Amino acid sequence: MDTVRFENARLVVMAETARQGGIGTLGEKTLHAVVKRYLEPDPVRHEMRIGSFIVDIFTGERVYEIQTRQFRSLKPKLEALLPQYPVTIVYPAQARKWLMWIDPESGEVSSPRLSPRRGQPCDIFRELYQIKPFLTHPNLSVRILQIDLEETRLLNGWSRDRKKGSWRHDRLPKSLENEIAIDTAADYGLLMPEGLPPIFTSADFARCARVSQRLAQTSINVLQSMGCLSACGKQGRLRLYSRSVQAQVCKNQT
């Protein structure tokens, strides 16, 4: 993690925004542009063509794809590029978020308000599940950038206060808070929440990670596929799990 380089990238992109009134030739948003500049300061290596694909960054040796959601859309690129090059999927994730509302009629912008929910590294599991068959490929790695953000939304929703169903206008990075590199199958264990007991259920996982039960189950599914967790019996209707280093002990107890 290099917070100085991130801040430099942020300032460069914000200056380009003010000067050009828009970011990039592909209509990308500010968050994407800042992360791309952070990963590779030389714009000559941005938006490079490899075969029939345009990739976010190509260093000549490695491909970087920046993706905040809909990892399933990466499947054709991964199928084509992983046999040829190391590919790193970069996931810009919310750490803290300040929300601002824009009135599309008057242009008035509200004061920033801090969201009570803090983003968690395991939020990425809902996306990783979509590309699970690729996760064990030796040429695939993942980087999670936890970023403090200001999110602007338009007051154009269908509810009385015009917030429900509103459109997100942009996300403006404030600072880089953490960076997690996942280079091997064992590294996916870094995404497990703190406070898990040696043997736990999906409900325990959801509580410790502060996520929904559904996301907890998806997370456990991916972690099992990567060999980070093992099932070891049941507690009522819920399955019990342990970390891989405890799998044999847990198995002997059941």
C-alpha atoms as a PDB file:
ATOM      1  CA  MET A   1       0.000   0.000   0.000  1.00  0.00           C
ATOM      2  CA  ASP A   2       1.339   3.411  -0.992  1.00  0.00           C
ATOM      3  CA  THR A   3      -0.871   6.206   0.326  1.00  0.00           C
ATOM      4  CA  VAL A   4       1.332   8.918  -1.184  1.00  0.00           C
ATOM      5  CA  ARG A   5       1.057   7.438  -4.668  1.00  0.00           C
ATOM      6  CA  PHE A   6      -2.694   7.050  -4.217  1.00  0.00           C
ATOM      7  CA  GLU A   7      -3.062  10.696  -3.219  1.00  0.00           C
ATOM      8  CA  ASN A   8      -0.995  11.772  -6.218  1.00  0.00           C
ATOM      9  CA  ALA A   9      -3.216   9.691  -8.497  1.00  0.00           C
ATOM     10  CA  ARG A  10      -6.315  11.216  -6.926  1.00  0.00           C
ATOM     11  CA  LEU A  11      -5.078  14.767  -7.454  1.00  0.00           C
ATOM     12  CA  VAL A  12      -4.117  14.096 -11.082  1.00  0.00           C
ATOM     13  CA  VAL A  13      -7.523  12.645 -11.910  1.00  0.00           C
ATOM     14  CA  MET A  14      -9.423  15.412 -10.119  1.00  0.00           C
ATOM     15  CA  ALA A  15      -7.432  17.992 -12.096  1.00  0.00           C
ATOM     16  CA  GLU A  16      -8.287  16.189 -15.344  1.00  0.00           C
ATOM     17  CA  THR A  17     -11.941  16.140 -14.331  1.00  0.00           C
ATOM     18  CA  ALA A  18     -11.957  19.899 -13.801  1.00  0.00           C
ATOM     19  CA  ARG A  19     -10.134  20.528 -17.061  1.00  0.00           C
ATOM     20  CA  GLN A  20     -11.969  18.135 -19.363  1.00  0.00           C
ATOM     21  CA  GLY A  21     -15.384  17.828 -17.746  1.00  0.00           C
ATOM     22  CA  GLY A  22     -15.199  14.038 -18.053  1.00  0.00           C
ATOM     23  CA  ILE A  23     -12.936  11.057 -17.443  1.00  0.00           C
ATOM     24  CA  GLY A  24     -11.413   8.712 -19.997  1.00  0.00           C
ATOM     25  CA  THR A  25     -12.370   7.749 -23.490  1.00  0.00           C
ATOM     26  CA  LEU A  26     -14.510   4.855 -22.290  1.00  0.00           C
ATOM     27  CA  GLY A  27     -16.762   6.914 -20.029  1.00  0.00           C
ATOM     28  CA  GLU A  28     -15.274   5.591 -16.798  1.00  0.00           C
ATOM     29  CA  LYS A  29     -16.125   7.041 -13.401  1.00  0.00           C
ATOM     30  CA  THR A  30     -13.752   8.827 -11.042  1.00  0.00           C
ATOM     31  CA  LEU A  31     -13.093   5.884  -8.710  1.00  0.00           C
ATOM     32  CA  HIS A  32     -12.072   3.671 -11.617  1.00  0.00           C
ATOM     33  CA  ALA A  33      -9.821   6.370 -13.056  1.00  0.00           C
ATOM     34  CA  VAL A  34      -8.033   7.035  -9.754  1.00  0.00           C
ATOM     35  CA  VAL A  35      -7.405   3.338  -9.109  1.00  0.00           C
ATOM     36  CA  LYS A  36      -6.070   2.888 -12.641  1.00  0.00           C
ATOM     37  CA  ARG A  37      -3.678   5.818 -12.222  1.00  0.00           C
ATOM     38  CA  TYR A  38      -2.596   4.460  -8.817  1.00  0.00           C
ATOM     39  CA  LEU A  39      -1.784   1.023 -10.213  1.00  0.00           C
ATOM     40  CA  GLU A  40      -0.034   2.360 -13.302  1.00  0.00           C
ATOM     41  CA  PRO A  41       0.918   6.056 -13.467  1.00  0.00           C
ATOM     42  CA  ASP A  42       1.859   5.816 -17.168  1.00  0.00           C
ATOM     43  CA  PRO A  43      -1.366   6.339 -19.192  1.00  0.00           C
ATOM     44  CA  VAL A  44       0.284   4.776 -22.250  1.00  0.00           C
ATOM     45  CA  ARG A  45      -0.324   1.407 -20.578  1.00  0.00           C
ATOM     46  CA  HIS A  46      -4.012   2.126 -19.950  1.00  0.00           C
ATOM     47  CA  GLU A  47      -6.890   0.759 -22.048  1.00  0.00           C
ATOM     48  CA  MET A  48      -4.635  -1.558 -24.035  1.00  0.00           C
ATOM     49  CA  ARG A  49      -5.871  -4.002 -26.653  1.00  0.00           C
ATOM     50  CA  ILE A  50      -4.931  -7.674 -26.356  1.00  0.00           C
ATOM     51  CA  GLY A  51      -6.498  -9.664 -29.158  1.00  0.00           C
ATOM     52  CA  SER A  52     -10.189  -8.803 -29.223  1.00  0.00           C
ATOM     53  CA  PHE A  53     -10.212  -7.379 -25.676  1.00  0.00           C
ATOM     54  CA  ILE A  54      -9.539  -3.965 -24.173  1.00  0.00           C
ATOM     55  CA  VAL A  55      -7.934  -4.311 -20.727  1.00  0.00           C
ATOM     56  CA  ASP A  56      -7.635  -1.604 -18.103  1.00  0.00           C
ATOM     57  CA  ILE A  57      -3.857  -1.949 -17.770  1.00  0.00           C
ATOM     58  CA  PHE A  58      -1.263  -4.037 -19.580  1.00  0.00           C
ATOM     59  CA  THR A  59       2.321  -3.653 -18.388  1.00  0.00           C
ATOM     60  CA  GLY A  60       3.685  -5.879 -21.128  1.00  0.00           C
ATOM     61  CA  GLU A  61       3.799  -8.764 -18.673  1.00  0.00           C
ATOM     62  CA  ARG A  62       0.702  -8.483 -16.463  1.00  0.00           C
ATOM     63  CA  VAL A  63      -2.954  -7.567 -17.025  1.00  0.00           C
ATOM     64  CA  TYR A  64      -4.922  -5.557 -14.469  1.00  0.00           C
ATOM     65  CA  GLU A  65      -8.711  -5.454 -14.574  1.00  0.00           C
ATOM     66  CA  ILE A  66     -10.489  -3.051 -12.209  1.00  0.00           C
ATOM     67  CA  GLN A  67     -13.950  -4.305 -11.292  1.00  0.00           C
ATOM     68  CA  THR A  68     -16.339  -3.094  -8.600  1.00  0.00           C
ATOM     69  CA  ARG A  69     -19.182  -5.529  -9.403  1.00  0.00           C
ATOM     70  CA  GLN A  70     -20.505  -8.029 -11.939  1.00  0.00           C
ATOM     71  CA  PHE A  71     -17.392 -10.186 -11.972  1.00  0.00           C
ATOM     72  CA  ARG A  72     -19.277 -12.562 -14.256  1.00  0.00           C
ATOM     73  CA  SER A  73     -18.619 -10.132 -17.105  1.00  0.00           C
ATOM     74  CA  LEU A  74     -14.900 -10.948 -16.798  1.00  0.00           C
ATOM     75  CA  LYS A  75     -15.349 -14.609 -17.734  1.00  0.00           C
ATOM     76  CA  PRO A  76     -14.558 -14.231 -21.473  1.00  0.00           C
ATOM     77  CA  LYS A  77     -11.430 -12.196 -20.724  1.00  0.00           C
ATOM     78  CA  LEU A  78     -10.256 -14.646 -18.072  1.00  0.00           C
ATOM     79  CA  GLU A  79     -10.769 -17.618 -20.369  1.00  0.00           C
ATOM     80  CA  ALA A  80      -8.735 -15.943 -23.115  1.00  0.00           C
ATOM     81  CA  LEU A  81      -6.026 -14.189 -21.116  1.00  0.00           C
ATOM     82  CA  LEU A  82      -5.179 -16.440 -18.158  1.00  0.00           C
ATOM     83  CA  PRO A  83      -3.399 -19.047 -20.321  1.00  0.00           C
ATOM     84  CA  GLN A  84      -1.172 -16.259 -21.694  1.00  0.00           C
ATOM     85  CA  TYR A  85      -0.597 -13.706 -18.901  1.00  0.00           C
ATOM     86  CA  PRO A  86      -0.822 -13.203 -15.155  1.00  0.00           C
ATOM     87  CA  VAL A  87      -4.103 -11.378 -14.521  1.00  0.00           C
ATOM     88  CA  THR A  88      -4.850  -9.356 -11.388  1.00  0.00           C
ATOM     89  CA  ILE A  89      -8.447  -8.406 -10.621  1.00  0.00           C
ATOM     90  CA  VAL A  90      -8.479  -5.201  -8.599  1.00  0.00           C
ATOM     91  CA  TYR A  91     -11.551  -4.650  -6.422  1.00  0.00           C
ATOM     92  CA  PRO A  92     -12.020  -1.071  -5.140  1.00  0.00           C
ATOM     93  CA  ALA A  93     -14.077  -1.532  -1.993  1.00  0.00           C
ATOM     94  CA  GLN A  94     -15.764   0.958   0.275  1.00  0.00           C
ATOM     95  CA  ALA A  95     -14.161   1.461   3.681  1.00  0.00           C
ATOM     96  CA  ARG A  96     -16.091   4.476   4.986  1.00  0.00           C
ATOM     97  CA  LYS A  97     -18.616   6.337   2.852  1.00  0.00           C
ATOM     98  CA  TRP A  98     -19.909   9.886   2.987  1.00  0.00           C
ATOM     99  CA  LEU A  99     -23.158  10.388   1.071  1.00  0.00           C
ATOM    100  CA  MET A 100     -24.178  13.601  -0.704  1.00  0.00           C
ATOM    101  CA  TRP A 101     -27.419  14.273  -2.578  1.00  0.00           C
ATOM    102  CA  ILE A 102     -27.695  16.364  -5.742  1.00  0.00           C
ATOM    103  CA  ASP A 103     -30.971  18.041  -6.680  1.00  0.00           C
ATOM    104  CA  PRO A 104     -31.069  17.592 -10.483  1.00  0.00           C
ATOM    105  CA  GLU A 105     -33.350  20.604 -10.882  1.00  0.00           C
ATOM    106  CA  SER A 106     -31.518  23.187  -8.794  1.00  0.00           C
ATOM    107  CA  GLY A 107     -28.035  21.629  -8.764  1.00  0.00           C
ATOM    108  CA  GLU A 108     -27.931  22.041  -4.975  1.00  0.00           C
ATOM    109  CA  VAL A 109     -25.651  19.549  -3.194  1.00  0.00           C
ATOM    110  CA  SER A 110     -26.290  18.431   0.380  1.00  0.00           C
ATOM    111  CA  SER A 111     -23.603  18.321   3.082  1.00  0.00           C
ATOM    112  CA  PRO A 112     -21.747  14.978   3.329  1.00  0.00           C
ATOM    113  CA  ARG A 113     -23.225  12.497   5.801  1.00  0.00           C
ATOM    114  CA  LEU A 114     -21.229   9.492   7.032  1.00  0.00           C
ATOM    115  CA  SER A 115     -22.910   6.154   6.339  1.00  0.00           C
ATOM    116  CA  PRO A 116     -23.226   3.952   9.447  1.00  0.00           C
ATOM    117  CA  ARG A 117     -22.129   0.845   7.548  1.00  0.00           C
ATOM    118  CA  ARG A 118     -18.416   0.273   7.093  1.00  0.00           C
ATOM    119  CA  GLY A 119     -17.408  -1.909   4.157  1.00  0.00           C
ATOM    120  CA  GLN A 120     -15.909  -5.323   4.921  1.00  0.00           C
ATOM    121  CA  PRO A 121     -13.270  -7.236   2.904  1.00  0.00           C
ATOM    122  CA  CYS A 122     -15.575 -10.243   2.675  1.00  0.00           C
ATOM    123  CA  ASP A 123     -18.066  -8.151   0.666  1.00  0.00           C
ATOM    124  CA  ILE A 124     -16.043  -9.342  -2.329  1.00  0.00           C
ATOM    125  CA  PHE A 125     -17.240 -12.937  -1.895  1.00  0.00           C
ATOM    126  CA  ARG A 126     -20.533 -12.266  -3.670  1.00  0.00           C
ATOM    127  CA  GLU A 127     -18.426 -11.323  -6.711  1.00  0.00           C
ATOM    128  CA  LEU A 128     -15.805 -14.060  -6.361  1.00  0.00           C
ATOM    129  CA  TYR A 129     -18.572 -16.667  -6.356  1.00  0.00           C
ATOM    130  CA  GLN A 130     -19.421 -15.636  -9.924  1.00  0.00           C
ATOM    131  CA  ILE A 131     -15.924 -16.614 -11.143  1.00  0.00           C
ATOM    132  CA  LYS A 132     -15.234 -19.463  -8.721  1.00  0.00           C
ATOM    133  CA  PRO A 133     -13.913 -21.894 -11.384  1.00  0.00           C
ATOM    134  CA  PHE A 134     -11.108 -19.426 -12.204  1.00  0.00           C
ATOM    135  CA  LEU A 135      -9.952 -18.742  -8.635  1.00  0.00           C
ATOM    136  CA  THR A 136      -7.535 -21.686  -8.500  1.00  0.00           C
ATOM    137  CA  HIS A 137      -5.794 -20.747 -11.772  1.00  0.00           C
ATOM    138  CA  PRO A 138      -2.100 -20.062 -11.018  1.00  0.00           C
ATOM    139  CA  ASN A 139      -2.126 -16.911 -13.179  1.00  0.00           C
ATOM    140  CA  LEU A 140      -5.009 -15.260 -11.316  1.00  0.00           C
ATOM    141  CA  SER A 141      -4.545 -12.938  -8.349  1.00  0.00           C
ATOM    142  CA  VAL A 142      -6.820 -10.469  -6.582  1.00  0.00           C
ATOM    143  CA  ARG A 143      -6.137  -7.129  -4.887  1.00  0.00           C
ATOM    144  CA  ILE A 144      -8.673  -5.435  -2.650  1.00  0.00           C
ATOM    145  CA  LEU A 145      -8.305  -1.693  -2.142  1.00  0.00           C
ATOM    146  CA  GLN A 146     -10.330  -0.419   0.815  1.00  0.00           C
ATOM    147  CA  ILE A 147     -11.019   3.233   0.073  1.00  0.00           C
ATOM    148  CA  ASP A 148     -12.801   6.021   1.918  1.00  0.00           C
ATOM    149  CA  LEU A 149     -15.315   7.489  -0.533  1.00  0.00           C
ATOM    150  CA  GLU A 150     -17.684  10.364  -1.113  1.00  0.00           C
ATOM    151  CA  GLU A 151     -20.698   9.105  -3.038  1.00  0.00           C
ATOM    152  CA  THR A 152     -22.964  11.527  -4.872  1.00  0.00           C
ATOM    153  CA  ARG A 153     -26.510  10.490  -5.770  1.00  0.00           C
ATOM    154  CA  LEU A 154     -29.233  12.256  -7.709  1.00  0.00           C
ATOM    155  CA  LEU A 155     -32.520  13.058  -5.965  1.00  0.00           C
ATOM    156  CA  ASN A 156     -34.516  11.414  -8.750  1.00  0.00           C
ATOM    157  CA  GLY A 157     -35.999   8.349  -7.065  1.00  0.00           C
ATOM    158  CA  TRP A 158     -39.630   7.262  -6.918  1.00  0.00           C
ATOM    159  CA  SER A 159     -40.210   7.738  -3.161  1.00  0.00           C
ATOM    160  CA  ARG A 160     -41.544  10.912  -1.536  1.00  0.00           C
ATOM    161  CA  ASP A 161     -38.062  12.005  -0.497  1.00  0.00           C
ATOM    162  CA  ARG A 162     -36.770  10.997  -3.993  1.00  0.00           C
ATOM    163  CA  LYS A 163     -34.060   8.761  -2.461  1.00  0.00           C
ATOM    164  CA  LYS A 164     -35.395   5.250  -3.050  1.00  0.00           C
ATOM    165  CA  GLY A 165     -34.608   4.178  -6.594  1.00  0.00           C
ATOM    166  CA  SER A 166     -32.211   7.093  -7.055  1.00  0.00           C
ATOM    167  CA  TRP A 167     -29.255   7.032  -9.450  1.00  0.00           C
ATOM    168  CA  ARG A 168     -25.678   7.050  -8.267  1.00  0.00           C
ATOM    169  CA  HIS A 169     -23.841   9.917  -9.944  1.00  0.00           C
ATOM    170  CA  ASP A 170     -20.236   9.211  -8.968  1.00  0.00           C
ATOM    171  CA  ARG A 171     -17.904   8.006  -6.233  1.00  0.00           C
ATOM    172  CA  LEU A 172     -14.983  10.238  -5.326  1.00  0.00           C
ATOM    173  CA  PRO A 173     -12.053   8.609  -3.506  1.00  0.00           C
ATOM    174  CA  LYS A 174     -10.814  10.402  -0.384  1.00  0.00           C
ATOM    175  CA  SER A 175      -8.009   8.125   0.823  1.00  0.00           C
ATOM    176  CA  LEU A 176      -6.637   4.583   0.632  1.00  0.00           C
ATOM    177  CA  GLU A 177      -7.195   2.825   3.973  1.00  0.00           C
ATOM    178  CA  ASN A 178      -5.961  -0.727   3.328  1.00  0.00           C
ATOM    179  CA  GLU A 179      -4.784  -3.058   0.593  1.00  0.00           C
ATOM    180  CA  ILE A 180      -5.097  -6.849   0.613  1.00  0.00           C
ATOM    181  CA  ALA A 181      -3.165  -9.009  -1.857  1.00  0.00           C
ATOM    182  CA  ILE A 182      -4.482 -12.484  -2.647  1.00  0.00           C
ATOM    183  CA  ASP A 183      -1.890 -14.434  -4.605  1.00  0.00           C
ATOM    184  CA  THR A 184      -2.477 -18.025  -3.450  1.00  0.00           C
ATOM    185  CA  ALA A 185      -5.441 -20.143  -2.408  1.00  0.00           C
ATOM    186  CA  ALA A 186      -4.404 -19.870   1.246  1.00  0.00           C
ATOM    187  CA  ASP A 187      -4.493 -16.063   1.022  1.00  0.00           C
ATOM    188  CA  TYR A 188      -8.298 -16.141   0.730  1.00  0.00           C
ATOM    189  CA  GLY A 189      -8.248 -16.943   4.434  1.00  0.00           C
ATOM    190  CA  LEU A 190      -7.170 -13.322   4.995  1.00  0.00           C
ATOM    191  CA  LEU A 191     -10.751 -12.326   4.170  1.00  0.00           C
ATOM    192  CA  MET A 192     -12.246 -14.217   7.078  1.00  0.00           C
ATOM    193  CA  PRO A 193     -13.602 -11.956   9.834  1.00  0.00           C
ATOM    194  CA  GLU A 194     -11.911 -11.576  13.185  1.00  0.00           C
ATOM    195  CA  GLY A 195     -13.494 -13.137  16.228  1.00  0.00           C
ATOM    196  CA  LEU A 196     -14.579 -16.455  14.687  1.00  0.00           C
ATOM    197  CA  PRO A 197     -14.427 -19.329  17.190  1.00  0.00           C
ATOM    198  CA  PRO A 198     -12.382 -22.433  16.237  1.00  0.00           C
ATOM    199  CA  ILE A 199     -15.603 -24.176  15.184  1.00  0.00           C
ATOM    200  CA  PHE A 200     -18.396 -21.988  13.858  1.00  0.00           C
ATOM    201  CA  THR A 201     -21.629 -21.814  11.873  1.00  0.00           C
ATOM    202  CA  SER A 202     -22.660 -19.535   9.032  1.00  0.00           C
ATOM    203  CA  ALA A 203     -24.594 -17.518  11.625  1.00  0.00           C
ATOM    204  CA  ASP A 204     -21.349 -16.981  13.572  1.00  0.00           C
ATOM    205  CA  PHE A 205     -19.629 -15.911  10.352  1.00  0.00           C
ATOM    206  CA  ALA A 206     -22.423 -13.443   9.528  1.00  0.00           C
ATOM    207  CA  ARG A 207     -22.283 -11.943  13.035  1.00  0.00           C
ATOM    208  CA  CYS A 208     -18.490 -11.515  13.081  1.00  0.00           C
ATOM    209  CA  ALA A 209     -18.340 -10.152   9.523  1.00  0.00           C
ATOM    210  CA  ARG A 210     -21.425  -7.960   9.982  1.00  0.00           C
ATOM    211  CA  VAL A 211     -22.964  -9.266   6.769  1.00  0.00           C
ATOM    212  CA  SER A 212     -26.194 -11.030   5.860  1.00  0.00           C
ATOM    213  CA  GLN A 213     -26.657 -14.763   6.396  1.00  0.00           C
ATOM    214  CA  ARG A 214     -26.832 -15.196   2.631  1.00  0.00           C
ATOM    215  CA  LEU A 215     -23.486 -13.493   2.042  1.00  0.00           C
ATOM    216  CA  ALA A 216     -21.980 -15.501   4.898  1.00  0.00           C
ATOM    217  CA  GLN A 217     -23.056 -18.734   3.208  1.00  0.00           C
ATOM    218  CA  THR A 218     -21.655 -17.552  -0.122  1.00  0.00           C
ATOM    219  CA  SER A 219     -18.371 -16.611   1.579  1.00  0.00           C
ATOM    220  CA  ILE A 220     -18.102 -20.026   3.212  1.00  0.00           C
ATOM    221  CA  ASN A 221     -18.801 -21.710  -0.128  1.00  0.00           C
ATOM    222  CA  VAL A 222     -15.860 -19.903  -1.749  1.00  0.00           C
ATOM    223  CA  LEU A 223     -13.553 -20.454   1.229  1.00  0.00           C
ATOM    224  CA  GLN A 224     -14.297 -24.174   1.153  1.00  0.00           C
ATOM    225  CA  SER A 225     -13.499 -24.279  -2.567  1.00  0.00           C
ATOM    226  CA  MET A 226     -10.129 -22.658  -1.853  1.00  0.00           C
ATOM    227  CA  GLY A 227      -9.319 -25.137   0.911  1.00  0.00           C
ATOM    228  CA  CYS A 228      -9.460 -22.526   3.689  1.00  0.00           C
ATOM    229  CA  LEU A 229     -12.394 -24.141   5.515  1.00  0.00           C
ATOM    230  CA  SER A 230     -13.650 -27.645   6.151  1.00  0.00           C
ATOM    231  CA  ALA A 231     -17.126 -28.813   7.168  1.00  0.00           C
ATOM    232  CA  CYS A 232     -17.091 -30.759  10.433  1.00  0.00           C
ATOM    233  CA  GLY A 233     -20.562 -31.788  11.506  1.00  0.00           C
ATOM    234  CA  LYS A 234     -23.791 -29.980  12.376  1.00  0.00           C
ATOM    235  CA  GLN A 235     -25.286 -27.898  15.148  1.00  0.00           C
ATOM    236  CA  GLY A 236     -29.010 -28.338  14.804  1.00  0.00           C
ATOM    237  CA  ARG A 237     -29.769 -27.520  11.175  1.00  0.00           C
ATOM    238  CA  LEU A 238     -26.598 -25.457  10.686  1.00  0.00           C
ATOM    239  CA  ARG A 239     -23.359 -26.936   9.424  1.00  0.00           C
ATOM    240  CA  LEU A 240     -20.201 -26.526  11.468  1.00  0.00           C
ATOM    241  CA  TYR A 241     -16.936 -25.337   9.923  1.00  0.00           C
ATOM    242  CA  SER A 242     -13.318 -24.953  10.950  1.00  0.00           C
ATOM    243  CA  ARG A 243     -10.281 -23.320   9.458  1.00  0.00           C
ATOM    244  CA  SER A 244      -8.204 -25.694   7.359  1.00  0.00           C
ATOM    245  CA  VAL A 245      -5.427 -25.972   9.948  1.00  0.00           C
ATOM    246  CA  GLN A 246      -8.010 -27.258  12.414  1.00  0.00           C
ATOM    247  CA  ALA A 247      -9.871 -29.511   9.994  1.00  0.00           C
ATOM    248  CA  GLN A 248      -8.372 -32.798  11.163  1.00  0.00           C
ATOM    249  CA  VAL A 249      -8.932 -32.017  14.863  1.00  0.00           C
ATOM    250  CA  CYS A 250     -12.510 -30.997  14.124  1.00  0.00           C
ATOM    251  CA  LYS A 251     -13.082 -34.188  12.127  1.00  0.00           C
ATOM    252  CA  ASN A 252     -11.870 -36.344  15.031  1.00  0.00           C
ATOM    253  CA  GLN A 253     -14.321 -34.625  17.384  1.00  0.00           C
ATOM    254  CA  THR A 254     -17.389 -35.539  15.307  1.00  0.00           C
END
